[in-house]
Amino acid sequence: MRFFITPVFLIAFLFTTNFSFSQERSQQQIIDSLKKLSYEELYNSFQEYLGDSIKAKPYALAYQIKGKETNDLGRIADSYTQLIYISEDLNVNLKYADSIIMFTKDIKHKIYPAEGYISKAIQLYNIGNYVDALENFLEARRLSNGNNNIEQLTRIKLAIAALKDFGGRESEALLIHKELLEELTEKPDYKKLYEDDYLNYTYNLSLSYVLNKKLDSADIFIKRIIDERFQLKDTLSYYDFVATSGYNEYYKGNLDGASDSLDKAFPFRRDQNSRINYYLYKGRIARDLNNVEEALSQFGKLDSIYEIHKDPIRALPEVYRTFINYYKEKGDTENQLKYIDKLLAADSVLDANFNFLNTNITKEYDIPQLVAEKDKLIKHWQDKKVQSNIGLVVLGLLLLLSGGLFFYYYRKQRIYKRKFGYLMQGAGQRDEITGAKTKTEGQGITGISEELIKKIIGGLNAFEQQNEFLDPSITLNSLSKKLHTNSNYLSKVINHYEQKNFSNYINDLRIDYTVEQLKTNKQFRLYSVKGIAEEVGFNSTESFSKAFFKRTGIYPSYFIKKLENLNGI
């Protein structure tokens, strides 16, 4: 576009690679000798001479010839992209861009042919053909979307923002410029790793703020970059922002400051866009200072550029109205009619561009963007819905599980409570607790005399009454010797009258003793579970707890806790 929002930064940024080629300086034999180098060597040499187009171009041409000899269409396209980057002939660049499209239109490639359409759009943009530029940017966007080429889509987004600026949709363009810079600044060490992008985005955002008359915001970014580039001695970037400062100062009413900044930057910014903006703002400043002759001189230089290139300039109606009013006051009807005709022609061109751009940007870019965003939101909503349904299922299962666990816990607590009640009611009556001990002397055991049975039972009663079962070393053999019998007879008597083996018999005696002690002996309750286990003859806490639960249906810790609650300790 041809108004102040269009910096050379924008156009330079829209290229993918750093390839650059110069004007031819050598004969075919030099290029032929360079063909012996690899693609990588040619590219590196080209990069080395990037600042000297005459030295760089032979490497690019050799790169292209190698590609054509092997029919490597991607390499051929790279070479044309390189040539476009350094060429100042826009018409030649259009042919290069068409060549890229022609060579790569039928291949599957991450970059091409989308890059060809971007390059062509840039050249059309530079000659002021915004209608065709937009169409090529949109085609590039379609292809880039298909390849999911984020880098190309970002550059196309920047171009759309510039076209929106030209079409008078400055507030929409501002949103894009802000979004691009915000995305960049989220990357680590972005000022160093993405220096060119940082300068481009900041520059365009600053200009966009100026265009939207957000002058304080523009000041923040302009001053920040001016300070940074001055310290880095980056002359080109520095004076780009100095010129932008001039535009901003003009809208702030600081005409002297604006003029000073424009004059300071002008010698370092000789591209066509910069000259147009310089003449436009110098003319405005002169007009506002009532120096009409100087204003017409500056506006005349701007009009001369338009007459040569015929690129639409958004400020043309303003320029021509100044001429019309001047000649009207002078009574110069001839020149007044001349500039009226120029105004009508310019308005017609601008209206055609504005209408096409605004209609097609809305139809081909904004609406597809909104549809894509809508689809994204719908998918997100559907995903959330699926997740929500899954969540409900999981929640239901968790509730069911937790309900089951609660029921299990509640039922277990009720059983524990009932068991605790039984123990408390038992008051040490061990036979009533088990319901199984029946020492009936009238029942005999095959192979053992009645007299011996009575003797063993009597010994067991004494054994129990004297709490000798608390001895952790007690065994079936040691007890049988104590009772003056053998282990076989003792085991049979215990099995018959106690309905359990010797080990369970001893464990039950110990547990019954423990229960009674815990119920009646406050001091005993002060022991830990481990201490109690050792006190009653168990070798470990685990064996004690298992035996306690097997005998009573509850664990010792629960029984002790309930006793403490019951007794208030």
Protein backbone atom coordinates (compact mmCIF):
# COMPACT_ATOMS: atom_id res chain seq x y z
CA MET A 1 0.00 0.00 0.00
CA ARG A 2 1.14 3.54 -0.44
CA PHE A 3 0.49 5.42 2.78
CA PHE A 4 2.50 5.81 5.90
CA ILE A 5 1.46 2.56 7.50
CA THR A 6 3.43 0.69 4.82
CA PRO A 7 7.05 0.31 5.89
CA VAL A 8 9.79 -1.38 3.95
CA PHE A 9 10.01 -3.67 6.99
CA LEU A 10 6.72 -5.30 6.12
CA ILE A 11 7.75 -6.22 2.61
CA ALA A 12 11.19 -7.49 3.61
CA PHE A 13 9.66 -9.66 6.31
CA LEU A 14 7.27 -11.43 3.98
CA PHE A 15 10.04 -13.56 2.47
CA THR A 16 10.78 -16.98 3.94
CA THR A 17 14.50 -17.29 3.34
CA ASN A 18 17.54 -15.14 3.69
CA PHE A 19 18.58 -15.91 0.13
CA SER A 20 19.67 -12.89 -1.90
CA PHE A 21 21.19 -12.46 -5.31
CA SER A 22 22.91 -9.57 -7.01
CA GLN A 23 23.21 -8.32 -10.53
CA GLU A 24 25.26 -10.42 -12.89
CA ARG A 25 28.94 -9.60 -12.90
CA SER A 26 30.56 -12.64 -14.42
CA GLN A 27 30.59 -14.71 -17.56
CA GLN A 28 29.02 -18.14 -17.93
CA GLN A 29 32.37 -19.82 -17.26
CA ILE A 30 32.43 -18.44 -13.69
CA ILE A 31 28.96 -19.79 -13.02
CA ASP A 32 29.94 -23.14 -14.55
CA SER A 33 32.91 -23.37 -12.22
CA LEU A 34 30.66 -22.71 -9.23
CA LYS A 35 28.40 -25.63 -10.17
CA LYS A 36 31.03 -27.98 -8.78
CA LEU A 37 30.14 -26.77 -5.29
CA SER A 38 27.41 -28.46 -3.27
CA TYR A 39 24.08 -26.78 -2.61
CA GLU A 40 25.16 -26.15 0.95
CA GLU A 41 28.45 -24.57 -0.16
CA LEU A 42 26.68 -22.37 -2.69
CA TYR A 43 24.17 -21.26 -0.09
CA ASN A 44 26.84 -20.52 2.52
CA SER A 45 28.88 -18.51 0.02
CA PHE A 46 25.77 -16.63 -0.99
CA GLN A 47 25.12 -15.83 2.67
CA GLU A 48 28.69 -14.66 3.05
CA TYR A 49 28.21 -12.11 0.26
CA LEU A 50 24.67 -11.21 1.25
CA GLY A 51 25.50 -7.52 1.48
CA ASP A 52 27.07 -7.46 -1.98
CA SER A 53 24.55 -8.46 -4.64
CA ILE A 54 27.14 -8.48 -7.43
CA LYS A 55 29.22 -11.10 -5.65
CA ALA A 56 26.25 -13.08 -4.40
CA LYS A 57 24.30 -13.48 -7.63
CA PRO A 58 26.66 -15.97 -9.39
CA TYR A 59 26.23 -18.39 -6.50
CA ALA A 60 22.47 -18.15 -6.84
CA LEU A 61 22.57 -18.71 -10.58
CA ALA A 62 24.87 -21.72 -10.13
CA TYR A 63 22.41 -23.01 -7.50
CA GLN A 64 19.61 -22.68 -10.06
CA ILE A 65 21.52 -24.41 -12.88
CA LYS A 66 22.37 -27.36 -10.63
CA GLY A 67 18.70 -27.66 -9.78
CA LYS A 68 17.65 -27.60 -13.44
CA GLU A 69 20.27 -30.19 -14.42
CA THR A 70 18.87 -32.64 -11.87
CA ASN A 71 15.27 -31.46 -12.29
CA ASP A 72 15.11 -30.64 -8.56
CA LEU A 73 12.06 -28.39 -8.64
CA GLY A 74 12.38 -27.34 -5.00
CA ARG A 75 15.97 -26.16 -5.56
CA ILE A 76 14.94 -24.28 -8.70
CA ALA A 77 12.18 -22.54 -6.75
CA ASP A 78 14.68 -21.63 -4.01
CA SER A 79 16.88 -19.90 -6.56
CA TYR A 80 14.02 -17.80 -7.92
CA THR A 81 13.04 -16.85 -4.38
CA GLN A 82 16.64 -15.74 -3.84
CA LEU A 83 16.63 -13.64 -7.01
CA ILE A 84 13.40 -11.92 -5.99
CA TYR A 85 14.79 -11.02 -2.64
CA ILE A 86 17.52 -8.75 -3.99
CA SER A 87 16.01 -7.54 -7.27
CA GLU A 88 14.67 -3.99 -7.42
CA ASP A 89 12.81 -4.53 -10.70
CA LEU A 90 9.25 -5.32 -9.68
CA ASN A 91 8.22 -6.51 -13.14
CA VAL A 92 11.15 -8.93 -13.29
CA ASN A 93 10.26 -10.12 -9.80
CA LEU A 94 6.73 -10.88 -10.96
CA LYS A 95 8.21 -13.15 -13.67
CA TYR A 96 10.38 -14.86 -11.06
CA ALA A 97 7.32 -15.45 -8.86
CA ASP A 98 5.39 -16.87 -11.82
CA SER A 99 8.34 -19.20 -12.47
CA ILE A 100 8.18 -20.47 -8.89
CA ILE A 101 4.49 -21.23 -9.29
CA MET A 102 5.03 -22.87 -12.68
CA PHE A 103 7.83 -25.18 -11.48
CA THR A 104 6.15 -26.23 -8.24
CA LYS A 105 2.40 -26.17 -8.90
CA ASP A 106 2.22 -29.97 -9.23
CA ILE A 107 4.61 -31.05 -6.45
CA LYS A 108 3.93 -31.77 -2.81
CA HIS A 109 6.16 -29.46 -0.81
CA LYS A 110 6.02 -27.83 2.61
CA ILE A 111 6.91 -24.37 1.22
CA TYR A 112 5.98 -24.36 -2.47
CA PRO A 113 3.99 -23.34 -4.43
CA ALA A 114 2.55 -21.23 -1.59
CA GLU A 115 5.80 -19.24 -1.39
CA GLY A 116 5.44 -18.39 -5.08
CA TYR A 117 2.01 -16.89 -4.49
CA ILE A 118 3.30 -14.94 -1.49
CA SER A 119 6.19 -13.58 -3.58
CA LYS A 120 3.84 -12.63 -6.39
CA ALA A 121 1.45 -10.96 -3.96
CA ILE A 122 4.31 -8.90 -2.54
CA GLN A 123 5.33 -7.63 -5.97
CA LEU A 124 1.73 -6.75 -6.80
CA TYR A 125 1.44 -5.05 -3.43
CA ASN A 126 4.58 -3.02 -4.18
CA ILE A 127 3.25 -1.75 -7.51
CA GLY A 128 -0.06 -0.83 -5.89
CA ASN A 129 -2.15 -3.63 -7.40
CA TYR A 130 -3.84 -4.48 -4.12
CA VAL A 131 -6.73 -6.32 -5.74
CA ASP A 132 -4.51 -8.98 -7.34
CA ALA A 133 -2.20 -8.92 -4.33
CA LEU A 134 -5.08 -9.93 -2.08
CA GLU A 135 -6.12 -12.75 -4.42
CA ASN A 136 -2.59 -14.17 -4.39
CA PHE A 137 -2.28 -13.83 -0.62
CA LEU A 138 -5.57 -15.71 -0.24
CA GLU A 139 -4.41 -18.50 -2.58
CA ALA A 140 -1.15 -18.73 -0.62
CA ARG A 141 -3.17 -18.94 2.57
CA ARG A 142 -5.22 -21.82 1.19
CA LEU A 143 -2.09 -23.76 0.27
CA SER A 144 -0.30 -22.91 3.53
CA ASN A 145 -3.28 -24.11 5.51
CA GLY A 146 -3.12 -27.40 3.66
CA ASN A 147 0.55 -27.77 4.61
CA ASN A 148 0.02 -26.39 8.11
CA ASN A 149 2.90 -23.98 7.43
CA ILE A 150 2.61 -21.69 10.45
CA GLU A 151 5.47 -19.44 9.36
CA GLN A 152 3.81 -18.66 6.02
CA LEU A 153 0.40 -18.19 7.63
CA THR A 154 1.93 -15.68 10.02
CA ARG A 155 3.39 -13.64 7.16
CA ILE A 156 0.10 -13.75 5.28
CA LYS A 157 -1.68 -12.55 8.41
CA LEU A 158 0.71 -9.58 8.53
CA ALA A 159 -0.05 -8.80 4.88
CA ILE A 160 -3.80 -8.95 5.52
CA ALA A 161 -3.32 -6.49 8.36
CA ALA A 162 -1.52 -4.09 5.98
CA LEU A 163 -4.32 -4.41 3.42
CA LYS A 164 -6.87 -3.74 6.16
CA ASP A 165 -4.96 -0.59 7.04
CA PHE A 166 -5.12 0.53 3.44
CA GLY A 167 -8.82 -0.30 3.28
CA GLY A 168 -9.60 1.92 6.26
CA ARG A 169 -10.08 -0.91 8.75
CA GLU A 170 -7.32 0.29 11.03
CA SER A 171 -8.81 -0.96 14.28
CA GLU A 172 -9.03 -4.52 12.91
CA ALA A 173 -5.45 -4.32 11.67
CA LEU A 174 -4.30 -3.13 15.09
CA LEU A 175 -5.65 -6.29 16.70
CA ILE A 176 -3.59 -8.42 14.31
CA HIS A 177 -0.40 -6.42 14.93
CA LYS A 178 -0.86 -6.72 18.69
CA GLU A 179 -1.54 -10.44 18.46
CA LEU A 180 1.59 -11.07 16.38
CA LEU A 181 3.86 -9.19 18.79
CA GLU A 182 2.28 -10.79 21.86
CA GLU A 183 2.80 -14.28 20.40
CA LEU A 184 6.43 -13.46 19.64
CA THR A 185 7.23 -12.05 23.08
CA GLU A 186 6.07 -15.30 24.68
CA LYS A 187 9.08 -17.04 23.13
CA PRO A 188 12.28 -17.22 25.19
CA ASP A 189 15.08 -14.77 24.34
CA TYR A 190 12.95 -13.42 21.46
CA LYS A 191 14.91 -10.17 21.02
CA LYS A 192 18.03 -12.14 20.19
CA LEU A 193 16.69 -15.25 18.46
CA TYR A 194 13.93 -13.45 16.53
CA GLU A 195 15.46 -10.00 16.18
CA ASP A 196 14.13 -9.25 12.67
CA ASP A 197 10.62 -10.43 13.55
CA TYR A 198 10.72 -8.37 16.73
CA LEU A 199 11.66 -5.20 14.84
CA ASN A 200 9.07 -5.83 12.11
CA TYR A 201 6.22 -6.51 14.49
CA THR A 202 7.09 -3.59 16.75
CA TYR A 203 7.46 -1.25 13.79
CA ASN A 204 4.10 -2.19 12.30
CA LEU A 205 2.40 -2.05 15.69
CA SER A 206 3.83 1.44 16.29
CA LEU A 207 2.53 2.63 12.91
CA SER A 208 -0.82 1.02 13.60
CA TYR A 209 -1.09 2.86 16.89
CA VAL A 210 -0.34 6.11 15.04
CA LEU A 211 -3.01 5.37 12.43
CA ASN A 212 -5.52 4.62 15.18
CA LYS A 213 -4.53 7.86 16.96
CA LYS A 214 -3.37 5.94 20.02
CA LEU A 215 -0.40 8.24 20.25
CA ASP A 216 0.75 7.50 23.81
CA SER A 217 0.86 3.77 23.05
CA ALA A 218 2.81 4.48 19.86
CA ASP A 219 5.28 6.59 21.86
CA ILE A 220 6.06 3.71 24.21
CA PHE A 221 7.15 1.36 21.44
CA ILE A 222 8.85 4.02 19.30
CA LYS A 223 11.03 5.34 22.13
CA ARG A 224 11.87 1.83 23.32
CA ILE A 225 13.16 0.73 19.91
CA ILE A 226 14.95 4.03 19.19
CA ASP A 227 16.91 3.61 22.43
CA GLU A 228 17.67 -0.07 21.72
CA ARG A 229 18.80 0.46 18.12
CA PHE A 230 20.87 3.54 18.98
CA GLN A 231 22.83 1.51 21.53
CA LEU A 232 23.31 -1.27 18.97
CA LYS A 233 24.31 1.25 16.25
CA ASP A 234 21.62 -0.19 13.95
CA THR A 235 21.27 2.80 11.62
CA LEU A 236 18.57 1.40 9.33
CA SER A 237 16.17 0.35 12.07
CA TYR A 238 16.96 3.43 14.11
CA TYR A 239 15.91 5.86 11.37
CA ASP A 240 12.80 3.84 10.50
CA PHE A 241 11.57 4.49 14.03
CA VAL A 242 12.76 8.10 13.97
CA ALA A 243 10.54 8.65 10.92
CA THR A 244 7.63 6.95 12.71
CA SER A 245 8.23 9.29 15.62
CA GLY A 246 7.81 12.17 13.15
CA TYR A 247 4.37 10.87 12.12
CA ASN A 248 3.36 10.51 15.75
CA GLU A 249 4.60 13.98 16.72
CA TYR A 250 2.60 15.45 13.86
CA TYR A 251 -0.66 14.06 15.25
CA LYS A 252 0.31 15.25 18.72
CA GLY A 253 0.56 18.78 17.32
CA ASN A 254 4.33 19.04 17.75
CA LEU A 255 4.99 20.27 14.21
CA ASP A 256 8.59 21.37 14.81
CA GLY A 257 9.45 18.04 16.44
CA ALA A 258 7.73 16.16 13.62
CA SER A 259 9.60 18.09 10.93
CA ASP A 260 12.92 17.58 12.69
CA SER A 261 12.42 13.79 12.95
CA LEU A 262 11.36 13.52 9.29
CA ASP A 263 14.37 15.50 8.08
CA LYS A 264 16.73 13.47 10.26
CA ALA A 265 15.47 10.14 8.88
CA PHE A 266 14.98 11.09 5.20
CA PRO A 267 18.63 10.66 4.00
CA PHE A 268 18.60 7.07 5.30
CA ARG A 269 15.21 6.05 3.87
CA ARG A 270 15.18 6.45 0.11
CA ASP A 271 12.67 3.77 -0.90
CA GLN A 272 9.51 4.91 -2.65
CA ASN A 273 7.19 4.42 0.31
CA SER A 274 9.43 6.42 2.59
CA ARG A 275 9.66 9.27 0.08
CA ILE A 276 5.88 9.35 -0.30
CA ASN A 277 5.40 9.55 3.44
CA TYR A 278 8.10 12.20 3.80
CA TYR A 279 6.52 14.48 1.18
CA LEU A 280 3.04 13.87 2.59
CA TYR A 281 3.92 14.84 6.17
CA LYS A 282 6.22 17.72 5.21
CA GLY A 283 3.38 19.06 3.10
CA ARG A 284 0.90 18.69 5.93
CA ILE A 285 3.22 20.45 8.36
CA ALA A 286 3.75 23.35 5.95
CA ARG A 287 0.00 23.62 5.29
CA ASP A 288 -0.77 23.66 9.04
CA LEU A 289 1.79 26.42 9.45
CA ASN A 290 -0.01 28.36 6.66
CA ASN A 291 3.00 28.00 4.38
CA VAL A 292 0.85 27.01 1.41
CA GLU A 293 3.56 27.40 -1.22
CA GLU A 294 5.83 24.96 0.65
CA ALA A 295 2.90 22.58 1.16
CA LEU A 296 2.15 22.56 -2.59
CA SER A 297 5.83 21.97 -3.32
CA GLN A 298 5.92 18.87 -1.12
CA PHE A 299 2.54 17.60 -2.34
CA GLY A 300 3.69 18.16 -5.92
CA LYS A 301 6.62 15.81 -5.39
CA LEU A 302 4.21 13.19 -4.07
CA ASP A 303 1.94 13.68 -7.10
CA SER A 304 4.93 13.24 -9.43
CA ILE A 305 5.64 9.82 -7.90
CA TYR A 306 2.02 8.83 -8.42
CA GLU A 307 2.05 9.99 -12.06
CA ILE A 308 5.08 7.80 -12.73
CA HIS A 309 4.01 4.62 -10.94
CA LYS A 310 0.23 5.01 -10.66
CA ASP A 311 0.23 3.22 -7.32
CA PRO A 312 -2.90 4.07 -5.29
CA ILE A 313 -2.02 6.46 -2.48
CA ARG A 314 -4.64 6.84 0.19
CA ALA A 315 -3.76 10.49 0.85
CA LEU A 316 -4.20 11.58 -2.80
CA PRO A 317 -7.69 13.10 -2.30
CA GLU A 318 -6.31 15.22 0.55
CA VAL A 319 -3.39 16.34 -1.65
CA TYR A 320 -5.58 17.21 -4.63
CA ARG A 321 -8.11 19.11 -2.51
CA THR A 322 -5.28 21.29 -1.25
CA PHE A 323 -4.37 22.14 -4.86
CA ILE A 324 -8.05 22.72 -5.78
CA ASN A 325 -8.62 25.13 -2.86
CA TYR A 326 -5.39 26.98 -3.62
CA TYR A 327 -6.22 27.53 -7.30
CA LYS A 328 -9.81 28.37 -6.44
CA GLU A 329 -8.61 31.20 -4.22
CA LYS A 330 -6.25 32.30 -7.00
CA GLY A 331 -9.06 32.20 -9.55
CA ASP A 332 -7.02 29.78 -11.68
CA THR A 333 -9.89 27.80 -13.22
CA GLU A 334 -7.67 25.78 -15.54
CA ASN A 335 -5.53 24.30 -12.77
CA GLN A 336 -8.57 23.98 -10.54
CA LEU A 337 -10.26 21.78 -13.17
CA LYS A 338 -7.02 19.88 -13.68
CA TYR A 339 -6.87 18.82 -10.04
CA ILE A 340 -10.61 18.19 -9.89
CA ASP A 341 -10.12 15.65 -12.67
CA LYS A 342 -7.17 14.15 -10.79
CA LEU A 343 -9.28 13.96 -7.64
CA LEU A 344 -12.14 12.21 -9.42
CA ALA A 345 -9.77 9.71 -11.02
CA ALA A 346 -7.99 9.03 -7.75
CA ASP A 347 -11.30 8.63 -5.90
CA SER A 348 -12.47 6.17 -8.53
CA VAL A 349 -9.29 4.08 -8.22
CA LEU A 350 -9.33 4.18 -4.43
CA ASP A 351 -13.02 3.35 -4.23
CA ALA A 352 -12.54 0.36 -6.52
CA ASN A 353 -9.64 -0.85 -4.40
CA PHE A 354 -11.40 -0.15 -1.10
CA ASN A 355 -14.61 -1.86 -2.15
CA PHE A 356 -12.84 -4.92 -3.52
CA LEU A 357 -10.46 -5.21 -0.60
CA ASN A 358 -13.09 -4.73 2.07
CA THR A 359 -15.56 -7.09 0.39
CA ASN A 360 -13.06 -9.82 -0.38
CA ILE A 361 -11.09 -9.58 2.87
CA THR A 362 -14.39 -10.04 4.68
CA LYS A 363 -15.59 -12.81 2.37
CA GLU A 364 -12.34 -14.71 1.77
CA TYR A 365 -10.41 -14.06 5.00
CA ASP A 366 -12.50 -12.78 7.91
CA ILE A 367 -15.47 -15.12 7.41
CA PRO A 368 -13.30 -18.25 6.91
CA GLN A 369 -11.37 -17.18 10.02
CA LEU A 370 -14.60 -16.89 11.97
CA VAL A 371 -15.84 -20.23 10.63
CA ALA A 372 -12.54 -21.87 11.60
CA GLU A 373 -12.76 -20.28 15.03
CA LYS A 374 -16.37 -21.42 15.31
CA ASP A 375 -15.41 -24.99 14.34
CA LYS A 376 -12.59 -24.85 16.86
CA LEU A 377 -14.96 -23.70 19.59
CA ILE A 378 -17.53 -26.36 18.65
CA LYS A 379 -14.87 -29.07 18.73
CA HIS A 380 -13.64 -27.73 22.06
CA TRP A 381 -17.22 -27.74 23.35
CA GLN A 382 -17.79 -31.27 22.03
CA ASP A 383 -14.53 -32.45 23.58
CA LYS A 384 -15.56 -30.86 26.84
CA LYS A 385 -18.97 -32.49 26.51
CA VAL A 386 -17.37 -35.90 25.91
CA GLN A 387 -15.03 -35.24 28.79
CA SER A 388 -18.00 -34.10 30.83
CA ASN A 389 -19.90 -37.31 30.01
CA ILE A 390 -16.85 -39.35 30.85
CA GLY A 391 -16.51 -37.28 33.98
CA LEU A 392 -20.11 -38.00 34.90
CA VAL A 393 -19.56 -41.72 34.38
CA VAL A 394 -16.38 -41.61 36.43
CA LEU A 395 -18.12 -39.49 39.04
CA GLY A 396 -21.00 -41.97 39.13
CA LEU A 397 -18.59 -44.85 39.54
CA LEU A 398 -16.72 -42.96 42.23
CA LEU A 399 -19.97 -42.18 44.01
CA LEU A 400 -21.02 -45.81 43.69
CA LEU A 401 -17.64 -46.95 44.93
CA SER A 402 -17.58 -44.40 47.72
CA GLY A 403 -21.15 -45.36 48.59
CA GLY A 404 -20.13 -49.00 48.68
CA LEU A 405 -17.09 -48.18 50.76
CA PHE A 406 -19.22 -46.10 53.10
CA PHE A 407 -21.72 -48.93 53.42
CA TYR A 408 -18.91 -51.39 54.01
CA TYR A 409 -17.33 -49.09 56.60
CA TYR A 410 -20.68 -48.43 58.27
CA ARG A 411 -21.53 -52.14 58.35
CA LYS A 412 -18.08 -53.01 59.65
CA GLN A 413 -18.37 -50.38 62.38
CA ARG A 414 -21.73 -51.79 63.40
CA ILE A 415 -20.25 -55.30 63.58
CA TYR A 416 -17.28 -53.99 65.55
CA LYS A 417 -19.62 -52.20 67.90
CA ARG A 418 -21.71 -55.34 68.39
CA LYS A 419 -18.58 -57.42 68.99
CA PHE A 420 -17.36 -54.87 71.49
CA GLY A 421 -20.69 -55.15 73.28
CA TYR A 422 -20.41 -58.91 73.46
CA LEU A 423 -16.94 -58.62 74.94
CA MET A 424 -18.10 -56.13 77.54
CA GLN A 425 -21.05 -58.32 78.53
CA GLY A 426 -18.91 -61.44 78.73
CA ALA A 427 -17.23 -60.23 81.96
CA GLY A 428 -14.46 -62.82 81.68
CA GLN A 429 -16.69 -65.85 81.06
CA ARG A 430 -14.48 -67.41 78.39
CA ASP A 431 -16.79 -70.38 77.77
CA GLU A 432 -19.67 -68.05 76.90
CA ILE A 433 -17.56 -66.12 74.47
CA THR A 434 -16.46 -69.12 72.42
CA GLY A 435 -19.63 -71.20 72.85
CA ALA A 436 -17.51 -74.21 72.07
CA LYS A 437 -15.71 -75.33 75.25
CA THR A 438 -17.46 -78.34 76.81
CA LYS A 439 -15.22 -80.09 79.34
CA THR A 440 -17.58 -82.95 79.97
CA GLU A 441 -15.95 -85.72 81.87
CA GLY A 442 -18.48 -88.31 80.72
CA GLN A 443 -17.17 -88.19 77.15
CA GLY A 444 -14.24 -90.48 76.45
CA ILE A 445 -11.39 -90.44 73.97
CA THR A 446 -10.45 -93.64 72.18
CA GLY A 447 -7.05 -94.95 73.30
CA ILE A 448 -6.88 -92.84 76.47
CA SER A 449 -8.13 -94.06 79.82
CA GLU A 450 -10.77 -92.11 81.69
CA GLU A 451 -8.43 -91.66 84.62
CA LEU A 452 -5.72 -90.10 82.41
CA ILE A 453 -8.23 -87.78 80.78
CA LYS A 454 -9.33 -86.47 84.19
CA LYS A 455 -5.71 -85.96 85.17
CA ILE A 456 -4.92 -83.96 82.00
CA ILE A 457 -8.08 -81.82 82.34
CA GLY A 458 -7.20 -81.05 85.93
CA GLY A 459 -3.73 -80.02 84.91
CA LEU A 460 -5.12 -77.76 82.17
CA ASN A 461 -7.46 -76.07 84.64
CA ALA A 462 -4.54 -75.34 86.95
CA PHE A 463 -2.50 -74.16 83.96
CA GLU A 464 -5.25 -71.71 83.00
CA GLN A 465 -5.94 -70.44 86.52
CA GLN A 466 -2.26 -69.68 87.12
CA ASN A 467 -2.00 -67.82 83.79
CA GLU A 468 0.97 -69.97 82.78
CA PHE A 469 -0.08 -69.55 79.14
CA LEU A 470 1.48 -66.07 79.28
CA ASP A 471 4.90 -67.67 79.07
CA PRO A 472 6.10 -67.00 75.48
CA SER A 473 8.24 -70.19 75.55
CA ILE A 474 5.33 -72.54 76.24
CA THR A 475 5.00 -75.37 73.71
CA LEU A 476 2.98 -78.57 73.41
CA ASN A 477 6.00 -80.64 74.51
CA SER A 478 6.90 -78.44 77.49
CA LEU A 479 3.31 -78.43 78.76
CA SER A 480 2.90 -82.22 78.32
CA LYS A 481 6.01 -82.78 80.42
CA LYS A 482 4.67 -80.40 83.06
CA LEU A 483 1.44 -82.41 83.18
CA HIS A 484 3.32 -85.73 83.23
CA THR A 485 1.85 -87.00 79.97
CA ASN A 486 2.90 -87.18 76.39
CA SER A 487 2.25 -84.55 73.70
CA ASN A 488 0.00 -86.89 71.72
CA TYR A 489 -2.43 -87.42 74.62
CA LEU A 490 -2.40 -83.72 75.52
CA SER A 491 -3.10 -82.70 71.93
CA LYS A 492 -6.04 -85.13 71.68
CA VAL A 493 -7.58 -83.91 74.94
CA ILE A 494 -7.32 -80.24 73.84
CA ASN A 495 -8.71 -81.05 70.40
CA HIS A 496 -11.60 -83.00 71.90
CA TYR A 497 -12.63 -80.67 74.73
CA GLU A 498 -11.55 -77.30 73.36
CA GLN A 499 -12.38 -78.02 69.69
CA LYS A 500 -9.09 -76.42 68.57
CA ASN A 501 -5.42 -77.23 68.19
CA PHE A 502 -2.80 -76.42 70.82
CA SER A 503 -1.63 -73.17 69.16
CA ASN A 504 -5.15 -71.73 68.93
CA TYR A 505 -5.86 -72.90 72.49
CA ILE A 506 -2.89 -70.95 73.85
CA ASN A 507 -3.67 -67.88 71.69
CA ASP A 508 -7.30 -67.81 72.82
CA LEU A 509 -6.26 -68.03 76.47
CA ARG A 510 -3.93 -65.09 75.97
CA ILE A 511 -6.57 -63.04 74.15
CA ASP A 512 -9.20 -63.78 76.81
CA TYR A 513 -6.72 -62.67 79.43
CA THR A 514 -5.94 -59.51 77.44
CA VAL A 515 -9.62 -58.62 77.09
CA GLU A 516 -10.22 -59.02 80.80
CA GLN A 517 -7.12 -56.98 81.69
CA LEU A 518 -8.09 -54.20 79.32
CA LYS A 519 -11.58 -54.08 80.78
CA THR A 520 -10.50 -54.08 84.42
CA ASN A 521 -6.94 -52.83 84.56
CA LYS A 522 -6.59 -49.10 83.78
CA GLN A 523 -2.82 -49.33 83.87
CA PHE A 524 -2.85 -52.14 81.30
CA ARG A 525 -4.72 -49.89 78.86
CA LEU A 526 -1.82 -47.47 78.92
CA TYR A 527 0.41 -49.99 77.15
CA SER A 528 0.91 -49.81 73.43
CA VAL A 529 -0.39 -52.66 71.28
CA LYS A 530 3.17 -53.88 70.94
CA GLY A 531 3.68 -53.72 74.70
CA ILE A 532 0.49 -55.65 75.35
CA ALA A 533 1.48 -58.29 72.78
CA GLU A 534 4.78 -58.86 74.55
CA GLU A 535 3.13 -58.80 77.96
CA VAL A 536 0.76 -61.66 77.10
CA GLY A 537 3.34 -63.89 75.41
CA PHE A 538 3.19 -63.02 71.67
CA ASN A 539 6.41 -62.66 69.74
CA SER A 540 5.10 -59.92 67.41
CA THR A 541 2.42 -57.25 67.18
CA GLU A 542 1.13 -58.73 63.93
CA SER A 543 0.55 -62.22 65.38
CA PHE A 544 -1.15 -60.65 68.39
CA SER A 545 -3.51 -58.52 66.29
CA LYS A 546 -4.43 -61.47 64.08
CA ALA A 547 -5.11 -63.67 67.06
CA PHE A 548 -7.14 -60.91 68.74
CA PHE A 549 -9.29 -60.38 65.63
CA LYS A 550 -9.76 -64.13 65.14
CA ARG A 551 -10.92 -64.54 68.73
CA THR A 552 -13.06 -61.39 69.12
CA GLY A 553 -13.92 -60.16 65.59
CA ILE A 554 -12.31 -56.77 66.23
CA TYR A 555 -8.77 -55.44 66.38
CA PRO A 556 -7.06 -54.57 69.67
CA SER A 557 -6.60 -50.92 68.68
CA TYR A 558 -10.35 -50.54 68.15
CA PHE A 559 -11.17 -52.26 71.43
CA ILE A 560 -8.72 -50.08 73.37
CA LYS A 561 -10.06 -46.91 71.76
CA LYS A 562 -13.67 -47.81 72.55
CA LEU A 563 -12.68 -48.59 76.13
CA GLU A 564 -10.98 -45.22 76.45
CA ASN A 565 -14.07 -43.46 75.12
CA LEU A 566 -16.26 -45.48 77.45
CA ASN A 567 -14.12 -44.73 80.49
CA GLY A 568 -13.34 -41.12 79.56
CA ILE A 569 -9.58 -41.59 79.15
